[in-house]
N, C-alpha and C. Protein backbone atom coordinates (compact mmCIF):
# COMPACT_ATOMS: atom_id res chain seq x y z
N MET A 1 -46.95 20.09 -76.12
CA MET A 1 -47.19 20.28 -77.34
C MET A 1 -45.89 19.53 -78.02
N GLU A 2 -46.18 19.28 -79.90
CA GLU A 2 -45.31 18.58 -80.38
C GLU A 2 -44.65 19.97 -80.80
N ARG A 3 -43.54 19.29 -80.59
CA ARG A 3 -41.95 20.39 -81.64
C ARG A 3 -41.32 19.77 -82.25
N ILE A 4 -40.66 20.37 -83.70
CA ILE A 4 -40.02 20.02 -85.16
C ILE A 4 -38.80 19.92 -84.13
N SER A 5 -37.80 18.68 -83.79
CA SER A 5 -36.38 18.75 -84.35
C SER A 5 -35.37 18.94 -84.91
N GLN A 6 -35.98 18.39 -86.48
CA GLN A 6 -35.17 17.54 -87.42
C GLN A 6 -35.93 17.54 -88.51
N THR A 7 -35.36 18.29 -89.42
CA THR A 7 -36.04 17.99 -90.97
C THR A 7 -35.30 17.66 -92.06
N ARG A 8 -34.93 16.43 -93.33
CA ARG A 8 -34.69 16.06 -93.54
C ARG A 8 -35.19 15.73 -94.86
N VAL A 9 -34.52 16.25 -96.24
CA VAL A 9 -34.87 16.43 -97.14
C VAL A 9 -34.34 14.95 -97.99
N PHE A 10 -34.85 14.38 -98.78
CA PHE A 10 -34.00 12.78 -99.99
C PHE A 10 -34.72 13.32 -100.94
N ARG A 11 -33.49 13.17 -101.65
CA ARG A 11 -33.83 13.70 -103.37
C ARG A 11 -32.91 12.86 -103.79
N ASN A 12 -33.63 11.89 -105.22
CA ASN A 12 -33.12 11.54 -106.12
C ASN A 12 -33.30 11.34 -107.23
N ALA A 13 -33.06 10.93 -108.40
CA ALA A 13 -33.01 10.77 -109.72
C ALA A 13 -32.93 9.41 -110.19
N PHE A 14 -33.03 9.47 -111.16
CA PHE A 14 -32.98 8.07 -112.29
C PHE A 14 -34.06 8.17 -113.73
N GLU A 15 -33.16 8.05 -114.45
CA GLU A 15 -33.25 7.81 -116.10
C GLU A 15 -34.43 8.79 -116.15
N ARG A 16 -36.00 8.84 -116.75
CA ARG A 16 -36.97 9.73 -116.46
C ARG A 16 -37.93 10.57 -115.75
N ALA A 17 -37.29 10.05 -114.67
CA ALA A 17 -37.69 10.49 -113.72
C ALA A 17 -37.02 11.16 -112.24
N TYR A 18 -37.30 12.32 -111.50
CA TYR A 18 -36.81 12.10 -109.50
C TYR A 18 -37.56 13.05 -108.85
N GLY A 19 -37.54 12.35 -107.46
CA GLY A 19 -37.89 13.12 -106.54
C GLY A 19 -37.64 13.17 -105.29
N VAL A 20 -38.38 13.75 -104.11
CA VAL A 20 -37.84 14.26 -103.26
C VAL A 20 -38.90 13.74 -101.89
N ALA A 21 -38.72 13.43 -100.88
CA ALA A 21 -39.46 12.93 -100.02
C ALA A 21 -38.47 13.87 -98.58
N LEU A 22 -39.64 14.40 -97.77
CA LEU A 22 -39.01 15.68 -97.07
C LEU A 22 -40.07 14.72 -95.40
N TYR A 23 -39.03 14.65 -94.50
CA TYR A 23 -38.93 13.57 -93.30
C TYR A 23 -38.84 14.91 -92.09
N PHE A 24 -40.00 14.37 -90.99
CA PHE A 24 -39.46 15.41 -89.99
C PHE A 24 -39.65 15.14 -88.58
N ARG A 25 -38.59 14.23 -87.74
CA ARG A 25 -38.61 14.22 -86.68
C ARG A 25 -39.29 15.27 -85.54
N SER A 26 -40.43 14.90 -84.36
CA SER A 26 -41.10 15.68 -83.98
C SER A 26 -40.83 15.00 -82.09
N THR A 27 -40.42 16.25 -81.69
CA THR A 27 -41.01 15.41 -79.71
C THR A 27 -42.09 15.72 -79.23
N LYS A 28 -42.83 14.97 -78.55
CA LYS A 28 -43.72 15.55 -77.67
C LYS A 28 -43.94 14.79 -76.24
N GLU A 29 -43.28 15.65 -75.23
CA GLU A 29 -43.52 14.90 -73.98
C GLU A 29 -42.20 14.33 -74.43
N GLU A 30 -42.24 12.77 -73.76
CA GLU A 30 -41.37 11.82 -74.08
C GLU A 30 -40.78 10.54 -75.34
N ARG A 31 -42.49 11.28 -75.83
CA ARG A 31 -42.15 10.49 -77.81
C ARG A 31 -41.96 10.97 -78.60
N THR A 32 -40.65 10.22 -79.63
CA THR A 32 -40.40 10.55 -80.53
C THR A 32 -40.56 9.88 -81.89
N LEU A 33 -41.39 11.03 -82.57
CA LEU A 33 -42.15 10.20 -83.47
C LEU A 33 -41.42 10.79 -85.09
N VAL A 34 -41.18 10.31 -86.01
CA VAL A 34 -40.31 10.25 -87.30
C VAL A 34 -42.00 10.01 -88.53
N SER A 35 -42.21 11.31 -89.17
CA SER A 35 -43.14 11.60 -90.15
C SER A 35 -42.50 11.91 -91.33
N LEU A 36 -43.11 11.68 -92.40
CA LEU A 36 -43.33 11.65 -93.66
C LEU A 36 -44.15 12.62 -94.04
N PRO A 37 -44.11 14.25 -94.07
CA PRO A 37 -45.52 14.58 -94.42
C PRO A 37 -45.93 14.89 -95.96
N CYS A 38 -44.62 15.25 -96.96
CA CYS A 38 -44.68 15.66 -97.88
C CYS A 38 -43.72 14.73 -99.20
N SER A 39 -44.00 14.48 -99.91
CA SER A 39 -43.24 14.22 -101.49
C SER A 39 -43.48 14.27 -102.21
N LYS A 40 -42.35 14.55 -103.45
CA LYS A 40 -42.93 15.19 -104.94
C LYS A 40 -42.35 14.74 -105.64
N ASN A 41 -42.73 14.12 -106.74
CA ASN A 41 -42.06 13.36 -107.66
C ASN A 41 -41.82 14.05 -108.95
N ARG A 42 -41.53 14.19 -110.24
CA ARG A 42 -41.58 14.44 -111.53
C ARG A 42 -40.71 13.34 -112.29
N LEU A 43 -41.61 13.79 -113.36
CA LEU A 43 -41.11 13.08 -114.79
C LEU A 43 -40.71 14.17 -115.53
N ASP A 44 -38.90 13.57 -116.95
CA ASP A 44 -39.07 14.04 -117.14
C ASP A 44 -39.05 14.90 -117.57
N SER A 45 -38.77 16.05 -118.61
CA SER A 45 -38.97 16.52 -120.17
C SER A 45 -39.16 15.71 -121.24
N ILE A 46 -39.47 16.15 -122.10
CA ILE A 46 -39.49 15.44 -123.17
C ILE A 46 -38.26 15.32 -124.22
N LYS A 47 -37.85 16.21 -124.15
CA LYS A 47 -36.21 16.45 -124.21
C LYS A 47 -35.13 15.55 -123.44
N TRP A 48 -34.24 14.70 -123.90
CA TRP A 48 -33.16 13.81 -122.82
C TRP A 48 -32.68 14.90 -121.89
N VAL A 49 -32.59 14.90 -120.93
CA VAL A 49 -31.81 15.61 -119.63
C VAL A 49 -30.45 14.41 -119.30
N THR A 50 -29.30 15.28 -118.76
CA THR A 50 -28.39 14.06 -118.84
C THR A 50 -28.25 13.83 -116.93
N PRO A 51 -28.86 12.50 -116.84
CA PRO A 51 -28.73 12.21 -114.93
C PRO A 51 -27.61 13.16 -114.04
N SER A 52 -26.91 13.85 -114.37
CA SER A 52 -26.74 14.62 -113.18
C SER A 52 -27.43 15.74 -113.27
N ARG A 53 -27.84 16.24 -114.65
CA ARG A 53 -28.81 16.98 -114.67
C ARG A 53 -30.35 16.89 -113.78
N LEU A 54 -30.37 15.77 -113.65
CA LEU A 54 -32.16 15.73 -113.11
C LEU A 54 -31.91 15.57 -111.63
N GLU A 55 -30.50 15.23 -111.62
CA GLU A 55 -30.20 14.97 -110.10
C GLU A 55 -30.39 16.83 -109.18
N LEU A 56 -29.66 17.45 -110.21
CA LEU A 56 -29.98 18.82 -109.96
C LEU A 56 -31.01 19.80 -109.33
N LEU A 57 -31.62 18.58 -110.51
CA LEU A 57 -33.48 19.25 -110.74
C LEU A 57 -34.21 19.03 -109.24
N ALA A 58 -33.54 17.68 -108.92
CA ALA A 58 -34.41 17.33 -107.75
C ALA A 58 -34.05 17.74 -106.80
N ALA A 59 -32.28 18.31 -106.70
CA ALA A 59 -32.31 19.31 -105.77
C ALA A 59 -32.80 20.69 -105.94
N LEU A 60 -33.86 21.32 -106.87
CA LEU A 60 -34.14 22.46 -106.55
C LEU A 60 -35.48 22.34 -106.19
N VAL A 61 -36.13 21.30 -106.84
CA VAL A 61 -37.48 20.77 -106.50
C VAL A 61 -37.24 20.09 -104.95
N GLY A 62 -36.50 19.70 -103.97
CA GLY A 62 -36.23 20.01 -102.62
C GLY A 62 -36.74 21.22 -101.75
N ALA A 63 -35.40 22.00 -102.66
CA ALA A 63 -35.73 23.39 -101.82
C ALA A 63 -36.72 24.07 -101.76
N TRP A 64 -37.57 23.91 -103.11
CA TRP A 64 -39.07 24.00 -103.11
C TRP A 64 -39.69 24.15 -102.05
N LEU A 65 -39.87 22.27 -101.95
CA LEU A 65 -40.48 21.51 -100.74
C LEU A 65 -40.02 21.81 -99.50
N LEU A 66 -38.87 22.46 -99.05
CA LEU A 66 -38.25 22.20 -97.95
C LEU A 66 -39.17 24.20 -97.73
N SER A 67 -38.89 24.73 -98.48
CA SER A 67 -39.42 26.18 -98.18
C SER A 67 -40.82 26.45 -98.25
N TYR A 68 -41.86 25.33 -98.90
CA TYR A 68 -42.84 25.79 -98.38
C TYR A 68 -43.46 24.83 -97.40
N PHE A 69 -42.82 23.74 -96.99
CA PHE A 69 -42.71 23.11 -95.57
C PHE A 69 -42.53 24.04 -94.23
N SER A 70 -41.62 25.24 -95.25
CA SER A 70 -41.41 25.83 -93.74
C SER A 70 -42.31 27.18 -93.77
N GLU A 71 -43.07 27.33 -94.71
CA GLU A 71 -43.62 28.44 -94.50
C GLU A 71 -44.95 28.18 -94.07
N VAL A 72 -45.67 27.07 -94.24
CA VAL A 72 -46.31 26.24 -93.61
C VAL A 72 -46.57 25.81 -91.86
N THR A 73 -45.14 25.75 -91.78
CA THR A 73 -44.91 25.32 -90.01
C THR A 73 -44.42 26.57 -89.03
N GLY A 74 -43.20 27.50 -90.11
CA GLY A 74 -42.44 28.22 -89.69
C GLY A 74 -41.56 27.65 -88.83
N TYR A 75 -41.17 26.26 -89.45
CA TYR A 75 -39.86 25.82 -89.22
C TYR A 75 -38.49 26.44 -89.37
N ASP A 76 -37.45 26.71 -89.39
CA ASP A 76 -35.64 27.68 -89.90
C ASP A 76 -35.30 26.71 -90.54
N THR A 77 -35.49 26.98 -92.03
CA THR A 77 -35.07 25.87 -93.42
C THR A 77 -33.37 25.44 -92.95
N ALA A 78 -32.90 26.72 -92.12
CA ALA A 78 -31.33 26.46 -91.70
C ALA A 78 -31.37 25.16 -90.85
N ARG A 79 -31.67 24.98 -90.01
CA ARG A 79 -31.75 23.95 -88.99
C ARG A 79 -31.69 22.49 -90.36
N SER A 80 -32.16 22.67 -91.43
CA SER A 80 -32.25 21.37 -92.10
C SER A 80 -31.26 20.66 -92.38
N THR A 81 -31.24 19.51 -93.42
CA THR A 81 -30.17 18.90 -94.36
C THR A 81 -30.93 17.98 -95.50
N LEU A 82 -30.22 18.27 -96.43
CA LEU A 82 -30.55 17.57 -97.74
C LEU A 82 -29.76 17.13 -98.30
N TRP A 83 -30.59 15.81 -98.16
CA TRP A 83 -29.32 14.29 -99.03
C TRP A 83 -29.92 14.25 -100.17
N THR A 84 -28.40 13.69 -100.69
CA THR A 84 -28.57 12.80 -102.17
C THR A 84 -27.57 11.79 -102.44
N ASP A 85 -27.68 11.44 -103.21
CA ASP A 85 -26.80 9.98 -103.67
C ASP A 85 -25.63 10.37 -104.30
N THR A 86 -26.28 11.81 -105.12
CA THR A 86 -24.81 11.96 -106.14
C THR A 86 -23.61 12.68 -105.77
N THR A 87 -22.59 12.24 -106.16
CA THR A 87 -21.33 13.61 -106.18
C THR A 87 -21.15 14.56 -107.60
N VAL A 88 -22.02 14.60 -108.48
CA VAL A 88 -21.62 15.48 -109.35
C VAL A 88 -22.29 16.68 -108.77
N ALA A 89 -23.82 16.21 -108.83
CA ALA A 89 -24.72 17.22 -108.72
C ALA A 89 -24.28 18.08 -107.18
N LEU A 90 -24.07 16.96 -105.65
CA LEU A 90 -23.41 17.94 -104.82
C LEU A 90 -22.45 18.58 -105.15
N SER A 91 -21.10 18.26 -106.07
CA SER A 91 -20.44 18.84 -106.05
C SER A 91 -20.42 20.24 -107.06
N TRP A 92 -21.30 20.60 -107.80
CA TRP A 92 -22.20 21.65 -108.55
C TRP A 92 -22.51 22.41 -107.69
N ILE A 93 -23.30 22.06 -106.62
CA ILE A 93 -24.00 22.67 -105.46
C ILE A 93 -23.20 23.54 -104.56
N ARG A 94 -21.68 22.83 -104.43
CA ARG A 94 -20.66 23.18 -103.43
C ARG A 94 -19.59 24.52 -104.06
N SER A 95 -19.88 24.39 -105.06
CA SER A 95 -19.14 25.40 -105.88
C SER A 95 -19.78 26.45 -106.46
N ALA A 96 -18.74 27.33 -106.98
CA ALA A 96 -19.19 28.93 -107.52
C ALA A 96 -20.15 28.32 -109.08
N PRO A 97 -21.67 28.68 -108.51
CA PRO A 97 -22.76 28.68 -110.04
C PRO A 97 -22.19 29.46 -111.37
N ASN A 98 -21.04 30.70 -111.15
CA ASN A 98 -20.60 30.98 -112.51
C ASN A 98 -20.05 30.16 -112.70
N ARG A 99 -19.18 29.16 -112.49
CA ARG A 99 -17.99 27.87 -113.59
C ARG A 99 -18.68 27.47 -114.21
N TRP A 100 -20.24 26.79 -114.14
CA TRP A 100 -20.77 26.25 -114.93
C TRP A 100 -21.70 26.98 -115.80
N LYS A 101 -22.39 26.30 -117.30
CA LYS A 101 -22.85 26.58 -118.42
C LYS A 101 -24.36 26.81 -117.77
N MET A 102 -25.10 27.43 -118.37
CA MET A 102 -26.20 28.34 -118.12
C MET A 102 -27.44 27.67 -117.18
N PHE A 103 -27.41 26.47 -117.73
CA PHE A 103 -28.58 25.53 -117.06
C PHE A 103 -28.31 25.23 -115.44
N VAL A 104 -26.93 24.81 -115.25
CA VAL A 104 -26.41 23.94 -114.06
C VAL A 104 -26.39 25.34 -113.42
N CYS A 105 -25.93 26.63 -113.73
CA CYS A 105 -25.54 27.87 -113.08
C CYS A 105 -26.65 28.53 -112.43
N ASN A 106 -28.32 28.63 -113.38
CA ASN A 106 -29.45 29.41 -112.91
C ASN A 106 -30.47 27.97 -111.48
N ARG A 107 -29.74 26.65 -112.32
CA ARG A 107 -30.23 25.96 -111.06
C ARG A 107 -29.43 26.37 -109.84
N ILE A 108 -28.57 26.09 -110.24
CA ILE A 108 -27.94 26.43 -108.19
C ILE A 108 -28.26 27.49 -107.67
N THR A 109 -27.82 28.70 -108.47
CA THR A 109 -28.49 30.14 -108.10
C THR A 109 -29.83 29.86 -107.40
N ALA A 110 -30.66 29.44 -108.16
CA ALA A 110 -31.92 29.06 -107.40
C ALA A 110 -32.28 28.78 -106.06
N PHE A 111 -31.18 27.59 -106.49
CA PHE A 111 -31.13 26.40 -104.98
C PHE A 111 -30.59 27.56 -103.69
N GLU A 112 -29.16 28.41 -104.17
CA GLU A 112 -28.72 28.90 -102.99
C GLU A 112 -29.44 30.13 -102.62
N SER A 113 -31.16 30.24 -102.79
CA SER A 113 -31.59 31.38 -103.24
C SER A 113 -33.18 31.21 -102.20
N ARG A 114 -32.66 29.87 -101.44
CA ARG A 114 -33.56 28.95 -100.57
C ARG A 114 -32.74 28.44 -99.71
N ASN A 115 -31.47 27.74 -99.71
CA ASN A 115 -30.76 27.05 -99.22
C ASN A 115 -29.10 27.25 -98.97
N SER A 116 -28.04 26.99 -97.81
CA SER A 116 -26.93 26.98 -98.18
C SER A 116 -26.19 25.72 -98.91
N PRO A 117 -25.58 25.92 -99.71
CA PRO A 117 -24.92 24.59 -100.09
C PRO A 117 -24.22 23.99 -99.50
N THR A 118 -23.58 24.20 -98.08
CA THR A 118 -23.05 23.69 -96.30
C THR A 118 -24.37 22.47 -95.75
N GLN A 119 -25.51 22.76 -96.04
CA GLN A 119 -26.29 21.43 -95.61
C GLN A 119 -26.58 20.70 -96.36
N CYS A 120 -26.02 20.54 -97.43
CA CYS A 120 -26.01 19.40 -98.59
C CYS A 120 -25.09 18.47 -97.86
N ARG A 121 -25.89 16.68 -98.04
CA ARG A 121 -24.81 16.45 -97.78
C ARG A 121 -25.10 14.94 -98.62
N HIS A 122 -24.13 13.40 -98.51
CA HIS A 122 -24.48 12.60 -99.39
C HIS A 122 -24.39 11.07 -98.44
N CYS A 123 -25.25 10.63 -98.94
CA CYS A 123 -25.69 9.58 -98.67
C CYS A 123 -25.86 8.03 -99.69
N PRO A 124 -25.40 7.11 -98.94
CA PRO A 124 -25.31 6.03 -100.23
C PRO A 124 -27.24 5.60 -100.70
N GLY A 125 -26.54 4.95 -102.16
CA GLY A 125 -28.05 5.38 -102.95
C GLY A 125 -29.27 3.88 -102.60
N ARG A 126 -28.76 2.99 -101.43
CA ARG A 126 -29.76 1.80 -101.28
C ARG A 126 -29.87 2.62 -99.77
N GLU A 127 -29.51 3.65 -99.36
CA GLU A 127 -30.19 4.46 -98.12
C GLU A 127 -30.77 5.44 -98.06
N ASN A 128 -31.12 5.68 -99.89
CA ASN A 128 -31.94 7.50 -99.90
C ASN A 128 -33.19 6.79 -99.72
N PRO A 129 -34.39 7.13 -99.34
CA PRO A 129 -35.40 6.68 -99.12
C PRO A 129 -36.20 7.16 -100.73
N ALA A 130 -35.92 8.70 -101.22
CA ALA A 130 -36.23 9.12 -102.44
C ALA A 130 -35.76 8.09 -103.78
N ASP A 131 -35.36 7.13 -103.40
CA ASP A 131 -34.76 6.14 -104.57
C ASP A 131 -36.28 5.87 -105.10
N HIS A 132 -37.08 5.49 -104.17
CA HIS A 132 -38.55 4.72 -104.64
C HIS A 132 -39.18 5.33 -105.08
N LEU A 133 -38.93 7.20 -105.17
CA LEU A 133 -40.17 7.62 -106.17
C LEU A 133 -39.47 8.03 -107.47
N SER A 134 -38.22 8.07 -107.77
CA SER A 134 -37.30 8.54 -109.30
C SER A 134 -37.47 6.53 -109.91
N ARG A 135 -37.17 5.51 -108.81
CA ARG A 135 -37.29 4.50 -109.89
C ARG A 135 -38.56 3.63 -109.98
N GLY A 136 -39.56 3.93 -109.15
CA GLY A 136 -41.25 3.06 -109.17
C GLY A 136 -41.11 2.24 -107.68
N ILE A 137 -42.32 1.73 -107.49
CA ILE A 137 -42.81 1.05 -106.75
C ILE A 137 -43.98 0.43 -106.64
N LEU A 138 -44.48 -0.83 -106.63
CA LEU A 138 -45.56 -0.84 -106.31
C LEU A 138 -46.35 -0.75 -105.43
N CYS A 139 -47.31 -0.09 -105.30
CA CYS A 139 -48.21 0.20 -103.54
C CYS A 139 -48.10 -0.88 -102.88
N SER A 140 -48.51 -2.36 -102.92
CA SER A 140 -48.33 -3.17 -101.96
C SER A 140 -47.29 -2.95 -101.74
N GLN A 141 -45.99 -2.64 -102.73
CA GLN A 141 -44.77 -2.84 -101.92
C GLN A 141 -44.38 -1.94 -101.20
N ILE A 142 -44.59 -0.39 -101.22
CA ILE A 142 -44.45 0.26 -100.64
C ILE A 142 -44.53 0.59 -98.75
N LEU A 143 -46.17 -0.20 -98.95
CA LEU A 143 -46.79 -0.39 -97.58
C LEU A 143 -45.58 -1.36 -96.34
N LEU A 144 -44.86 -2.12 -97.15
CA LEU A 144 -43.76 -3.12 -96.57
C LEU A 144 -42.51 -2.16 -96.32
N LEU A 145 -42.46 -1.34 -96.95
CA LEU A 145 -40.77 -0.33 -96.66
C LEU A 145 -40.52 0.04 -95.59
N ASP A 146 -40.19 -0.29 -95.40
CA ASP A 146 -39.36 0.77 -93.45
C ASP A 146 -38.93 2.30 -93.90
N ILE A 147 -37.43 1.53 -95.03
CA ILE A 147 -36.90 3.21 -95.41
C ILE A 147 -37.85 3.78 -96.01
N TRP A 148 -38.77 4.05 -96.53
CA TRP A 148 -39.96 5.05 -96.54
C TRP A 148 -40.37 6.01 -95.60
N TRP A 149 -40.75 5.16 -94.41
CA TRP A 149 -41.68 5.63 -93.54
C TRP A 149 -40.98 6.12 -92.17
N GLN A 150 -39.85 5.58 -92.75
CA GLN A 150 -39.16 5.84 -91.64
C GLN A 150 -37.12 6.71 -92.13
N TRP A 151 -37.03 7.23 -91.87
CA TRP A 151 -36.02 7.84 -92.85
C TRP A 151 -34.57 6.68 -91.84
N PRO A 152 -33.45 6.73 -92.67
CA PRO A 152 -32.59 5.68 -92.40
C PRO A 152 -32.04 6.08 -91.10
N GLN A 153 -32.04 4.69 -90.15
CA GLN A 153 -31.56 4.61 -89.01
C GLN A 153 -30.16 4.92 -88.08
N TRP A 154 -28.99 5.31 -89.65
CA TRP A 154 -28.48 6.15 -88.67
C TRP A 154 -28.28 7.54 -88.46
N LEU A 155 -29.76 8.06 -89.28
CA LEU A 155 -29.73 9.32 -89.01
C LEU A 155 -30.03 9.76 -87.25
N GLY A 156 -30.93 8.77 -86.72
CA GLY A 156 -30.87 8.38 -85.20
C GLY A 156 -29.24 8.84 -84.38
N LYS A 157 -28.74 8.26 -84.83
CA LYS A 157 -27.37 8.56 -84.24
C LYS A 157 -26.35 10.19 -84.34
N GLN A 158 -25.65 10.08 -83.51
CA GLN A 158 -24.85 11.84 -83.76
C GLN A 158 -24.69 11.86 -85.10
N GLU A 159 -24.07 13.29 -85.42
CA GLU A 159 -23.99 13.61 -87.09
C GLU A 159 -22.37 12.95 -86.85
N GLY A 160 -21.42 13.19 -86.10
CA GLY A 160 -20.10 12.22 -86.33
C GLY A 160 -20.38 10.68 -87.36
N CYS A 161 -21.48 10.46 -87.33
CA CYS A 161 -21.99 8.25 -87.71
C CYS A 161 -22.82 8.87 -88.56
N TRP A 162 -22.52 9.87 -89.46
CA TRP A 162 -23.81 10.05 -90.59
C TRP A 162 -22.85 9.76 -91.84
N PRO A 163 -22.88 8.73 -93.08
CA PRO A 163 -22.24 8.72 -93.65
C PRO A 163 -21.34 10.20 -94.77
N SER A 164 -20.40 9.86 -94.94
CA SER A 164 -20.16 10.77 -96.09
C SER A 164 -19.20 10.22 -96.95
N GLY A 165 -19.40 11.08 -98.25
CA GLY A 165 -19.54 10.58 -99.62
C GLY A 165 -17.72 11.34 -100.04
N ASN A 166 -17.19 10.90 -100.91
CA ASN A 166 -15.87 11.40 -101.62
C ASN A 166 -16.41 12.35 -102.83
N PHE A 167 -16.01 13.30 -102.86
CA PHE A 167 -16.48 14.26 -104.21
C PHE A 167 -15.56 14.01 -105.12
N ALA A 168 -16.30 14.49 -106.30
CA ALA A 168 -15.60 14.80 -107.61
C ALA A 168 -14.92 15.90 -107.31
N THR A 169 -13.64 15.55 -108.03
CA THR A 169 -13.15 17.38 -108.12
C THR A 169 -13.55 18.10 -109.30
N THR A 170 -13.42 19.51 -108.86
CA THR A 170 -14.49 20.58 -110.53
C THR A 170 -14.06 20.43 -111.89
N LYS A 171 -12.45 20.09 -111.54
CA LYS A 171 -11.81 20.00 -112.65
C LYS A 171 -12.79 18.84 -113.26
N SER A 172 -13.00 17.68 -113.11
CA SER A 172 -13.25 16.26 -113.64
C SER A 172 -15.01 16.33 -113.65
N LEU A 173 -15.75 17.50 -113.48
CA LEU A 173 -17.26 17.81 -113.24
C LEU A 173 -17.38 18.06 -114.91
N PRO A 174 -18.51 17.24 -115.50
CA PRO A 174 -19.22 17.58 -116.65
C PRO A 174 -20.01 19.15 -116.33
N GLU A 175 -19.87 20.05 -117.81
CA GLU A 175 -21.21 21.21 -117.63
C GLU A 175 -20.02 22.68 -117.44
N GLY A 176 -18.43 22.43 -117.38
CA GLY A 176 -17.65 23.57 -117.01
C GLY A 176 -18.00 24.65 -118.13
N LYS A 177 -17.98 25.77 -118.22
CA LYS A 177 -17.90 26.41 -118.76
C LYS A 177 -16.22 26.44 -119.78
N ARG A 178 -16.63 26.84 -120.76
CA ARG A 178 -15.34 26.52 -122.05
C ARG A 178 -14.62 28.08 -121.93
N ARG A 179 -13.07 27.74 -121.48
CA ARG A 179 -11.89 28.45 -121.10
C ARG A 179 -11.05 29.01 -122.63
N TYR A 180 -11.43 29.99 -123.31
CA TYR A 180 -10.54 30.70 -124.62
C TYR A 180 -9.55 30.94 -123.87
N PRO A 181 -8.05 30.33 -124.81
CA PRO A 181 -6.96 32.15 -124.74
C PRO A 181 -6.82 33.60 -124.86
N ARG A 182 -6.89 33.90 -124.05
CA ARG A 182 -6.80 35.72 -124.43
C ARG A 182 -7.06 36.12 -126.02
N HIS A 183 -5.70 35.59 -126.54
CA HIS A 183 -5.98 36.43 -127.84
C HIS A 183 -7.01 35.46 -129.00
N VAL A 184 -7.91 34.60 -128.14
CA VAL A 184 -9.05 34.53 -129.12
C VAL A 184 -9.81 35.51 -128.56
N LEU A 185 -10.42 36.04 -127.51
CA LEU A 185 -11.26 36.92 -127.15
C LEU A 185 -10.98 38.26 -127.74
N ARG A 186 -10.04 38.85 -128.32
CA ARG A 186 -9.63 39.79 -128.80
C ARG A 186 -10.53 40.57 -130.05
């Protein structure tokens, strides 16, 4: 019988599109198989959205896709890891939602209703398979693209060998709520 041992969700956004790719690794007898059961990409709305906000939208779509996959397969989402190559959206997700303007706050709250912020990790952009969903690729090229069909090679190693990114401090992040002096609020 086949058993899913790991699930990884990669997400990315670029200019006017964002996308998510969900991978799982399963074992059957002595064989290990990595599969791409589903992916999702979307075009940005007509109204221009900042790249960081697009990355946050990709995070939310990744949470929805993982939730759907979990419902269908019975897989526990708490054992999943969600990967991104942006530090701004990742830093937003790892901080308190009420620190941010309404758009960011609402998306983080929706994300947290499905996944824990501790499940989110950073990977280098060139090693993010979802990069091809947001930037576009020809069908003839994707057939030859190993990183699309198999997740990055470092994921097969122990967790200590995985990449770790430097995060922006919350003071330097955009979308912070404006702080007013006490005498102005009276």
